[in-house]
Amino acid sequence: EDEKHVHPLQLDVINRACVMWSNPGETVLTPFMGVGSEVYGAVRNGRRGIGIELKESYYNQAVRNVATALEIPEEKQEKLLFPVDELSEASL
């Protein structure tokens, strides 16, 4: 079941911030990734993006959003999903 993010950010605002405060090829970090809008904007603007998200459904949607930005075919996107249940506090 799809769920909507509580506070979605507008991509035009994200794109503007990304271009103003980073250079092409640099890495943009977002510690509260949500559905990946900042990472999506970074990738679309020639940057790398790192996002951290606790909620598995938001993370999975972020992967799909970034895969779209990278033009990865849908059938290959499943391979990008990280098995969250394999994480443990010891591995972090």
PDB file of N, CA and C in Angstrom:
ATOM      1  N   GLU A   1       0.839  -1.180   0.000  1.00  0.00           N
ATOM      2  CA  GLU A   1       0.000   0.000   0.000  1.00  0.00           C
ATOM      3  C   GLU A   1       0.885   1.245   0.000  1.00  0.00           C
ATOM      4  N   ASP A   2       0.587   2.151  -0.908  1.00  0.00           N
ATOM      5  CA  ASP A   2       1.349   3.393  -0.966  1.00  0.00           C
ATOM      6  C   ASP A   2       0.981   4.295   0.198  1.00  0.00           C
ATOM      7  N   GLU A   3       1.952   5.012   0.685  1.00  0.00           N
ATOM      8  CA  GLU A   3       1.685   6.000   1.713  1.00  0.00           C
ATOM      9  C   GLU A   3       2.352   7.300   1.299  1.00  0.00           C
ATOM     10  N   LYS A   4       1.770   8.385   1.690  1.00  0.00           N
ATOM     11  CA  LYS A   4       2.336   9.673   1.333  1.00  0.00           C
ATOM     12  C   LYS A   4       3.261  10.150   2.437  1.00  0.00           C
ATOM     13  N   HIS A   5       4.351  10.777   2.024  1.00  0.00           N
ATOM     14  CA  HIS A   5       5.286  11.345   2.987  1.00  0.00           C
ATOM     15  C   HIS A   5       4.613  12.524   3.665  1.00  0.00           C
ATOM     16  N   VAL A   6       4.828  12.655   4.954  1.00  0.00           N
ATOM     17  CA  VAL A   6       4.158  13.686   5.744  1.00  0.00           C
ATOM     18  C   VAL A   6       4.569  15.094   5.313  1.00  0.00           C
ATOM     19  N   HIS A   7       5.841  15.290   4.991  1.00  0.00           N
ATOM     20  CA  HIS A   7       6.341  16.615   4.631  1.00  0.00           C
ATOM     21  C   HIS A   7       7.162  16.545   3.344  1.00  0.00           C
ATOM     22  N   PRO A   8       6.514  16.338   2.200  1.00  0.00           N
ATOM     23  CA  PRO A   8       7.289  16.271   0.956  1.00  0.00           C
ATOM     24  C   PRO A   8       7.891  17.637   0.616  1.00  0.00           C
ATOM     25  N   LEU A   9       9.101  17.624   0.109  1.00  0.00           N
ATOM     26  CA  LEU A   9       9.757  18.867  -0.296  1.00  0.00           C
ATOM     27  C   LEU A   9       9.560  19.081  -1.793  1.00  0.00           C
ATOM     28  N   GLN A  10       9.509  20.334  -2.184  1.00  0.00           N
ATOM     29  CA  GLN A  10       9.322  20.636  -3.593  1.00  0.00           C
ATOM     30  C   GLN A  10      10.663  20.549  -4.311  1.00  0.00           C
ATOM     31  N   LEU A  11      10.658  19.834  -5.436  1.00  0.00           N
ATOM     32  CA  LEU A  11      11.902  19.579  -6.154  1.00  0.00           C
ATOM     33  C   LEU A  11      12.582  20.851  -6.650  1.00  0.00           C
ATOM     34  N   ASP A  12      11.826  21.886  -7.010  1.00  0.00           N
ATOM     35  CA  ASP A  12      12.468  23.113  -7.490  1.00  0.00           C
ATOM     36  C   ASP A  12      13.278  23.791  -6.381  1.00  0.00           C
ATOM     37  N   VAL A  13      12.795  23.722  -5.152  1.00  0.00           N
ATOM     38  CA  VAL A  13      13.526  24.286  -4.009  1.00  0.00           C
ATOM     39  C   VAL A  13      14.791  23.466  -3.749  1.00  0.00           C
ATOM     40  N   ILE A  14      14.663  22.153  -3.806  1.00  0.00           N
ATOM     41  CA  ILE A  14      15.802  21.264  -3.593  1.00  0.00           C
ATOM     42  C   ILE A  14      16.854  21.473  -4.676  1.00  0.00           C
ATOM     43  N   ASN A  15      16.420  21.541  -5.928  1.00  0.00           N
ATOM     44  CA  ASN A  15      17.365  21.754  -7.036  1.00  0.00           C
ATOM     45  C   ASN A  15      18.125  23.065  -6.865  1.00  0.00           C
ATOM     46  N   ARG A  16      17.422  24.097  -6.492  1.00  0.00           N
ATOM     47  CA  ARG A  16      18.067  25.405  -6.299  1.00  0.00           C
ATOM     48  C   ARG A  16      19.117  25.350  -5.192  1.00  0.00           C
ATOM     49  N   ALA A  17      18.755  24.736  -4.059  1.00  0.00           N
ATOM     50  CA  ALA A  17      19.697  24.610  -2.942  1.00  0.00           C
ATOM     51  C   ALA A  17      20.906  23.767  -3.334  1.00  0.00           C
ATOM     52  N   CYS A  18      20.653  22.703  -4.061  1.00  0.00           N
ATOM     53  CA  CYS A  18      21.739  21.815  -4.484  1.00  0.00           C
ATOM     54  C   CYS A  18      22.737  22.555  -5.375  1.00  0.00           C
ATOM     55  N   VAL A  19      22.229  23.309  -6.315  1.00  0.00           N
ATOM     56  CA  VAL A  19      23.094  24.050  -7.246  1.00  0.00           C
ATOM     57  C   VAL A  19      23.834  25.186  -6.524  1.00  0.00           C
ATOM     58  N   MET A  20      23.148  25.846  -5.568  1.00  0.00           N
ATOM     59  CA  MET A  20      23.759  26.974  -4.860  1.00  0.00           C
ATOM     60  C   MET A  20      24.851  26.543  -3.881  1.00  0.00           C
ATOM     61  N   TRP A  21      24.659  25.397  -3.215  1.00  0.00           N
ATOM     62  CA  TRP A  21      25.531  25.055  -2.103  1.00  0.00           C
ATOM     63  C   TRP A  21      26.405  23.822  -2.327  1.00  0.00           C
ATOM     64  N   SER A  22      26.460  23.346  -3.568  1.00  0.00           N
ATOM     65  CA  SER A  22      27.372  22.235  -3.874  1.00  0.00           C
ATOM     66  C   SER A  22      27.840  22.383  -5.315  1.00  0.00           C
ATOM     67  N   ASN A  23      28.910  21.692  -5.622  1.00  0.00           N
ATOM     68  CA  ASN A  23      29.473  21.727  -6.972  1.00  0.00           C
ATOM     69  C   ASN A  23      29.287  20.371  -7.635  1.00  0.00           C
ATOM     70  N   PRO A  24      29.225  20.358  -8.976  1.00  0.00           N
ATOM     71  CA  PRO A  24      29.111  19.076  -9.673  1.00  0.00           C
ATOM     72  C   PRO A  24      30.206  18.106  -9.225  1.00  0.00           C
ATOM     73  N   GLY A  25      29.818  16.857  -9.004  1.00  0.00           N
ATOM     74  CA  GLY A  25      30.762  15.836  -8.578  1.00  0.00           C
ATOM     75  C   GLY A  25      30.883  15.700  -7.072  1.00  0.00           C
ATOM     76  N   GLU A  26      30.424  16.694  -6.315  1.00  0.00           N
ATOM     77  CA  GLU A  26      30.480  16.604  -4.858  1.00  0.00           C
ATOM     78  C   GLU A  26      29.374  15.690  -4.340  1.00  0.00           C
ATOM     79  N   THR A  27      29.452  15.375  -3.052  1.00  0.00           N
ATOM     80  CA  THR A  27      28.467  14.497  -2.421  1.00  0.00           C
ATOM     81  C   THR A  27      27.563  15.320  -1.513  1.00  0.00           C
ATOM     82  N   VAL A  28      26.262  15.102  -1.644  1.00  0.00           N
ATOM     83  CA  VAL A  28      25.257  15.756  -0.816  1.00  0.00           C
ATOM     84  C   VAL A  28      24.762  14.728   0.204  1.00  0.00           C
ATOM     85  N   LEU A  29      24.781  15.082   1.486  1.00  0.00           N
ATOM     86  CA  LEU A  29      24.324  14.193   2.558  1.00  0.00           C
ATOM     87  C   LEU A  29      23.004  14.699   3.104  1.00  0.00           C
ATOM     88  N   THR A  30      22.043  13.807   3.216  1.00  0.00           N
ATOM     89  CA  THR A  30      20.786  14.145   3.863  1.00  0.00           C
ATOM     90  C   THR A  30      20.505  13.115   4.957  1.00  0.00           C
ATOM     91  N   PRO A  31      20.597  13.531   6.224  1.00  0.00           N
ATOM     92  CA  PRO A  31      20.439  12.582   7.327  1.00  0.00           C
ATOM     93  C   PRO A  31      18.997  12.157   7.573  1.00  0.00           C
ATOM     94  N   PHE A  32      18.035  12.837   6.969  1.00  0.00           N
ATOM     95  CA  PHE A  32      16.619  12.501   7.119  1.00  0.00           C
ATOM     96  C   PHE A  32      16.042  12.406   5.709  1.00  0.00           C
ATOM     97  N   MET A  33      16.328  11.304   5.018  1.00  0.00           N
ATOM     98  CA  MET A  33      16.098  11.193   3.579  1.00  0.00           C
ATOM     99  C   MET A  33      14.633  11.180   3.174  1.00  0.00           C
ATOM    100  N   GLY A  34      13.771  10.619   3.984  1.00  0.00           N
ATOM    101  CA  GLY A  34      12.376  10.511   3.559  1.00  0.00           C
ATOM    102  C   GLY A  34      12.292   9.702   2.277  1.00  0.00           C
ATOM    103  N   VAL A  35      11.603  10.240   1.277  1.00  0.00           N
ATOM    104  CA  VAL A  35      11.443   9.521   0.002  1.00  0.00           C
ATOM    105  C   VAL A  35      12.539   9.866  -0.996  1.00  0.00           C
ATOM    106  N   GLY A  36      13.592  10.525  -0.540  1.00  0.00           N
ATOM    107  CA  GLY A  36      14.784  10.717  -1.363  1.00  0.00           C
ATOM    108  C   GLY A  36      14.817  11.948  -2.238  1.00  0.00           C
ATOM    109  N   SER A  37      14.020  12.951  -1.927  1.00  0.00           N
ATOM    110  CA  SER A  37      13.972  14.147  -2.779  1.00  0.00           C
ATOM    111  C   SER A  37      15.333  14.827  -2.915  1.00  0.00           C
ATOM    112  N   GLU A  38      16.078  14.936  -1.798  1.00  0.00           N
ATOM    113  CA  GLU A  38      17.378  15.611  -1.856  1.00  0.00           C
ATOM    114  C   GLU A  38      18.396  14.790  -2.648  1.00  0.00           C
ATOM    115  N   VAL A  39      18.386  13.475  -2.473  1.00  0.00           N
ATOM    116  CA  VAL A  39      19.311  12.624  -3.222  1.00  0.00           C
ATOM    117  C   VAL A  39      18.936  12.648  -4.699  1.00  0.00           C
ATOM    118  N   TYR A  40      17.647  12.606  -4.987  1.00  0.00           N
ATOM    119  CA  TYR A  40      17.157  12.703  -6.368  1.00  0.00           C
ATOM    120  C   TYR A  40      17.660  13.999  -7.002  1.00  0.00           C
ATOM    121  N   GLY A  41      17.487  15.116  -6.290  1.00  0.00           N
ATOM    122  CA  GLY A  41      17.937  16.412  -6.798  1.00  0.00           C
ATOM    123  C   GLY A  41      19.440  16.466  -7.001  1.00  0.00           C
ATOM    124  N   ALA A  42      20.180  15.863  -6.080  1.00  0.00           N
ATOM    125  CA  ALA A  42      21.637  15.834  -6.205  1.00  0.00           C
ATOM    126  C   ALA A  42      22.045  15.077  -7.464  1.00  0.00           C
ATOM    127  N   VAL A  43      21.480  13.905  -7.661  1.00  0.00           N
ATOM    128  CA  VAL A  43      21.821  13.080  -8.823  1.00  0.00           C
ATOM    129  C   VAL A  43      21.436  13.788 -10.118  1.00  0.00           C
ATOM    130  N   ARG A  44      20.267  14.400 -10.142  1.00  0.00           N
ATOM    131  CA  ARG A  44      19.811  15.104 -11.349  1.00  0.00           C
ATOM    132  C   ARG A  44      20.704  16.304 -11.682  1.00  0.00           C
ATOM    133  N   ASN A  45      21.408  16.824 -10.670  1.00  0.00           N
ATOM    134  CA  ASN A  45      22.271  17.984 -10.876  1.00  0.00           C
ATOM    135  C   ASN A  45      23.753  17.627 -10.908  1.00  0.00           C
ATOM    136  N   GLY A  46      24.064  16.364 -11.168  1.00  0.00           N
ATOM    137  CA  GLY A  46      25.456  15.956 -11.348  1.00  0.00           C
ATOM    138  C   GLY A  46      26.250  15.774 -10.071  1.00  0.00           C
ATOM    139  N   ARG A  47      25.555  15.570  -8.967  1.00  0.00           N
ATOM    140  CA  ARG A  47      26.222  15.313  -7.696  1.00  0.00           C
ATOM    141  C   ARG A  47      25.983  13.858  -7.288  1.00  0.00           C
ATOM    142  N   ARG A  48      26.682  13.409  -6.270  1.00  0.00           N
ATOM    143  CA  ARG A  48      26.380  12.125  -5.649  1.00  0.00           C
ATOM    144  C   ARG A  48      25.536  12.423  -4.418  1.00  0.00           C
ATOM    145  N   GLY A  49      24.741  11.469  -4.018  1.00  0.00           N
ATOM    146  CA  GLY A  49      23.900  11.682  -2.853  1.00  0.00           C
ATOM    147  C   GLY A  49      23.961  10.526  -1.883  1.00  0.00           C
ATOM    148  N   ILE A  50      23.978  10.852  -0.607  1.00  0.00           N
ATOM    149  CA  ILE A  50      23.909   9.854   0.463  1.00  0.00           C
ATOM    150  C   ILE A  50      22.727  10.235   1.337  1.00  0.00           C
ATOM    151  N   GLY A  51      21.850   9.281   1.574  1.00  0.00           N
ATOM    152  CA  GLY A  51      20.687   9.541   2.406  1.00  0.00           C
ATOM    153  C   GLY A  51      20.548   8.504   3.495  1.00  0.00           C
ATOM    154  N   ILE A  52      20.045   8.935   4.629  1.00  0.00           N
ATOM    155  CA  ILE A  52      19.825   8.050   5.768  1.00  0.00           C
ATOM    156  C   ILE A  52      18.341   8.109   6.111  1.00  0.00           C
ATOM    157  N   GLU A  53      17.704   6.950   6.175  1.00  0.00           N
ATOM    158  CA  GLU A  53      16.274   6.893   6.479  1.00  0.00           C
ATOM    159  C   GLU A  53      15.976   5.674   7.335  1.00  0.00           C
ATOM    160  N   LEU A  54      15.225   5.855   8.411  1.00  0.00           N
ATOM    161  CA  LEU A  54      14.872   4.760   9.302  1.00  0.00           C
ATOM    162  C   LEU A  54      13.649   3.980   8.830  1.00  0.00           C
ATOM    163  N   LYS A  55      12.715   4.657   8.201  1.00  0.00           N
ATOM    164  CA  LYS A  55      11.463   4.009   7.808  1.00  0.00           C
ATOM    165  C   LYS A  55      11.655   3.251   6.496  1.00  0.00           C
ATOM    166  N   GLU A  56      11.460   1.938   6.542  1.00  0.00           N
ATOM    167  CA  GLU A  56      11.736   1.086   5.395  1.00  0.00           C
ATOM    168  C   GLU A  56      10.917   1.468   4.161  1.00  0.00           C
ATOM    169  N   SER A  57       9.650   1.783   4.330  1.00  0.00           N
ATOM    170  CA  SER A  57       8.817   2.124   3.170  1.00  0.00           C
ATOM    171  C   SER A  57       9.297   3.412   2.499  1.00  0.00           C
ATOM    172  N   TYR A  58       9.735   4.395   3.276  1.00  0.00           N
ATOM    173  CA  TYR A  58      10.281   5.621   2.696  1.00  0.00           C
ATOM    174  C   TYR A  58      11.589   5.328   1.971  1.00  0.00           C
ATOM    175  N   TYR A  59      12.435   4.496   2.609  1.00  0.00           N
ATOM    176  CA  TYR A  59      13.708   4.128   1.985  1.00  0.00           C
ATOM    177  C   TYR A  59      13.474   3.463   0.632  1.00  0.00           C
ATOM    178  N   ASN A  60      12.568   2.489   0.599  1.00  0.00           N
ATOM    179  CA  ASN A  60      12.297   1.784  -0.654  1.00  0.00           C
ATOM    180  C   ASN A  60      11.778   2.730  -1.732  1.00  0.00           C
ATOM    181  N   GLN A  61      10.941   3.693  -1.342  1.00  0.00           N
ATOM    182  CA  GLN A  61      10.458   4.675  -2.312  1.00  0.00           C
ATOM    183  C   GLN A  61      11.604   5.570  -2.778  1.00  0.00           C
ATOM    184  N   ALA A  62      12.496   5.917  -1.872  1.00  0.00           N
ATOM    185  CA  ALA A  62      13.670   6.726  -2.237  1.00  0.00           C
ATOM    186  C   ALA A  62      14.522   6.000  -3.270  1.00  0.00           C
ATOM    187  N   VAL A  63      14.721   4.709  -3.072  1.00  0.00           N
ATOM    188  CA  VAL A  63      15.503   3.919  -4.038  1.00  0.00           C
ATOM    189  C   VAL A  63      14.840   3.989  -5.408  1.00  0.00           C
ATOM    190  N   ARG A  64      13.522   3.818  -5.448  1.00  0.00           N
ATOM    191  CA  ARG A  64      12.815   3.892  -6.735  1.00  0.00           C
ATOM    192  C   ARG A  64      12.939   5.279  -7.349  1.00  0.00           C
ATOM    193  N   ASN A  65      12.837   6.324  -6.533  1.00  0.00           N
ATOM    194  CA  ASN A  65      12.944   7.693  -7.056  1.00  0.00           C
ATOM    195  C   ASN A  65      14.335   7.969  -7.632  1.00  0.00           C
ATOM    196  N   VAL A  66      15.367   7.562  -6.914  1.00  0.00           N
ATOM    197  CA  VAL A  66      16.734   7.793  -7.383  1.00  0.00           C
ATOM    198  C   VAL A  66      17.018   6.946  -8.623  1.00  0.00           C
ATOM    199  N   ALA A  67      16.498   5.716  -8.645  1.00  0.00           N
ATOM    200  CA  ALA A  67      16.667   4.861  -9.825  1.00  0.00           C
ATOM    201  C   ALA A  67      16.041   5.521 -11.051  1.00  0.00           C
ATOM    202  N   THR A  68      14.925   6.197 -10.862  1.00  0.00           N
ATOM    203  CA  THR A  68      14.294   6.932 -11.952  1.00  0.00           C
ATOM    204  C   THR A  68      15.208   8.056 -12.436  1.00  0.00           C
ATOM    205  N   ALA A  69      15.826   8.761 -11.495  1.00  0.00           N
ATOM    206  CA  ALA A  69      16.753   9.844 -11.863  1.00  0.00           C
ATOM    207  C   ALA A  69      17.937   9.300 -12.645  1.00  0.00           C
ATOM    208  N   LEU A  70      18.368   8.089 -12.295  1.00  0.00           N
ATOM    209  CA  LEU A  70      19.505   7.474 -12.970  1.00  0.00           C
ATOM    210  C   LEU A  70      19.089   6.684 -14.210  1.00  0.00           C
ATOM    211  N   GLU A  71      17.776   6.666 -14.472  1.00  0.00           N
ATOM    212  CA  GLU A  71      17.202   5.958 -15.623  1.00  0.00           C
ATOM    213  C   GLU A  71      17.516   4.464 -15.590  1.00  0.00           C
ATOM    214  N   ILE A  72      17.417   3.876 -14.401  1.00  0.00           N
ATOM    215  CA  ILE A  72      17.599   2.434 -14.233  1.00  0.00           C
ATOM    216  C   ILE A  72      16.251   1.768 -14.511  1.00  0.00           C
ATOM    217  N   PRO A  73      16.225   0.757 -15.391  1.00  0.00           N
ATOM    218  CA  PRO A  73      14.959   0.080 -15.695  1.00  0.00           C
ATOM    219  C   PRO A  73      14.322  -0.518 -14.438  1.00  0.00           C
ATOM    220  N   GLU A  74      12.996  -0.510 -14.414  1.00  0.00           N
ATOM    221  CA  GLU A  74      12.257  -0.960 -13.239  1.00  0.00           C
ATOM    222  C   GLU A  74      12.607  -2.387 -12.823  1.00  0.00           C
ATOM    223  N   GLU A  75      12.851  -3.269 -13.782  1.00  0.00           N
ATOM    224  CA  GLU A  75      13.152  -4.667 -13.444  1.00  0.00           C
ATOM    225  C   GLU A  75      14.490  -4.811 -12.717  1.00  0.00           C
ATOM    226  N   LYS A  76      15.373  -3.838 -12.828  1.00  0.00           N
ATOM    227  CA  LYS A  76      16.662  -3.895 -12.138  1.00  0.00           C
ATOM    228  C   LYS A  76      16.645  -3.143 -10.804  1.00  0.00           C
ATOM    229  N   GLN A  77      15.594  -2.396 -10.532  1.00  0.00           N
ATOM    230  CA  GLN A  77      15.531  -1.589  -9.317  1.00  0.00           C
ATOM    231  C   GLN A  77      15.453  -2.439  -8.049  1.00  0.00           C
ATOM    232  N   GLU A  78      14.822  -3.604  -8.104  1.00  0.00           N
ATOM    233  CA  GLU A  78      14.704  -4.475  -6.932  1.00  0.00           C
ATOM    234  C   GLU A  78      16.073  -4.850  -6.372  1.00  0.00           C
ATOM    235  N   LYS A  79      17.065  -4.962  -7.229  1.00  0.00           N
ATOM    236  CA  LYS A  79      18.408  -5.329  -6.780  1.00  0.00           C
ATOM    237  C   LYS A  79      19.040  -4.223  -5.935  1.00  0.00           C
ATOM    238  N   LEU A  80      18.505  -3.010  -6.026  1.00  0.00           N
ATOM    239  CA  LEU A  80      19.050  -1.886  -5.269  1.00  0.00           C
ATOM    240  C   LEU A  80      18.505  -1.805  -3.847  1.00  0.00           C
ATOM    241  N   LEU A  81      17.407  -2.503  -3.591  1.00  0.00           N
ATOM    242  CA  LEU A  81      16.787  -2.434  -2.271  1.00  0.00           C
ATOM    243  C   LEU A  81      17.654  -3.169  -1.265  1.00  0.00           C
ATOM    244  N   PHE A  82      17.999  -2.474  -0.206  1.00  0.00           N
ATOM    245  CA  PHE A  82      18.851  -3.054   0.831  1.00  0.00           C
ATOM    246  C   PHE A  82      17.973  -3.801   1.823  1.00  0.00           C
ATOM    247  N   PRO A  83      18.284  -5.060   2.126  1.00  0.00           N
ATOM    248  CA  PRO A  83      17.472  -5.826   3.083  1.00  0.00           C
ATOM    249  C   PRO A  83      17.636  -5.276   4.496  1.00  0.00           C
ATOM    250  N   VAL A  84      16.728  -4.412   4.889  1.00  0.00           N
ATOM    251  CA  VAL A  84      16.826  -3.709   6.167  1.00  0.00           C
ATOM    252  C   VAL A  84      16.863  -4.670   7.340  1.00  0.00           C
ATOM    253  N   ASP A  85      16.176  -5.831   7.259  1.00  0.00           N
ATOM    254  CA  ASP A  85      16.158  -6.748   8.398  1.00  0.00           C
ATOM    255  C   ASP A  85      17.544  -7.331   8.694  1.00  0.00           C
ATOM    256  N   GLU A  86      18.464  -7.228   7.754  1.00  0.00           N
ATOM    257  CA  GLU A  86      19.802  -7.742   7.994  1.00  0.00           C
ATOM    258  C   GLU A  86      20.663  -6.783   8.815  1.00  0.00           C
ATOM    259  N   LEU A  87      20.182  -5.578   9.003  1.00  0.00           N
ATOM    260  CA  LEU A  87      20.927  -4.613   9.817  1.00  0.00           C
ATOM    261  C   LEU A  87      20.822  -4.956  11.290  1.00  0.00           C
ATOM    262  N   SER A  88      21.859  -4.727  11.988  1.00  0.00           N
ATOM    263  CA  SER A  88      21.824  -4.864  13.441  1.00  0.00           C
ATOM    264  C   SER A  88      22.624  -3.705  14.023  1.00  0.00           C
ATOM    265  N   GLU A  89      22.409  -3.442  15.282  1.00  0.00           N
ATOM    266  CA  GLU A  89      23.152  -2.345  15.909  1.00  0.00           C
ATOM    267  C   GLU A  89      24.650  -2.597  15.860  1.00  0.00           C
ATOM    268  N   ALA A  90      25.046  -3.866  15.896  1.00  0.00           N
ATOM    269  CA  ALA A  90      26.470  -4.194  15.850  1.00  0.00           C
ATOM    270  C   ALA A  90      27.087  -3.816  14.500  1.00  0.00           C
ATOM    271  N   SER A  91      26.298  -3.909  13.412  1.00  0.00           N
ATOM    272  CA  SER A  91      26.848  -3.599  12.096  1.00  0.00           C
ATOM    273  C   SER A  91      26.866  -2.104  11.827  1.00  0.00           C
ATOM    274  N   LEU A  92      26.160  -1.337  12.624  1.00  0.00           N
ATOM    275  CA  LEU A  92      26.150   0.109  12.440  1.00  0.00           C
ATOM    276  C   LEU A  92      27.278   0.678  13.216  1.00  0.00           C
TER     277      LEU A  92
END
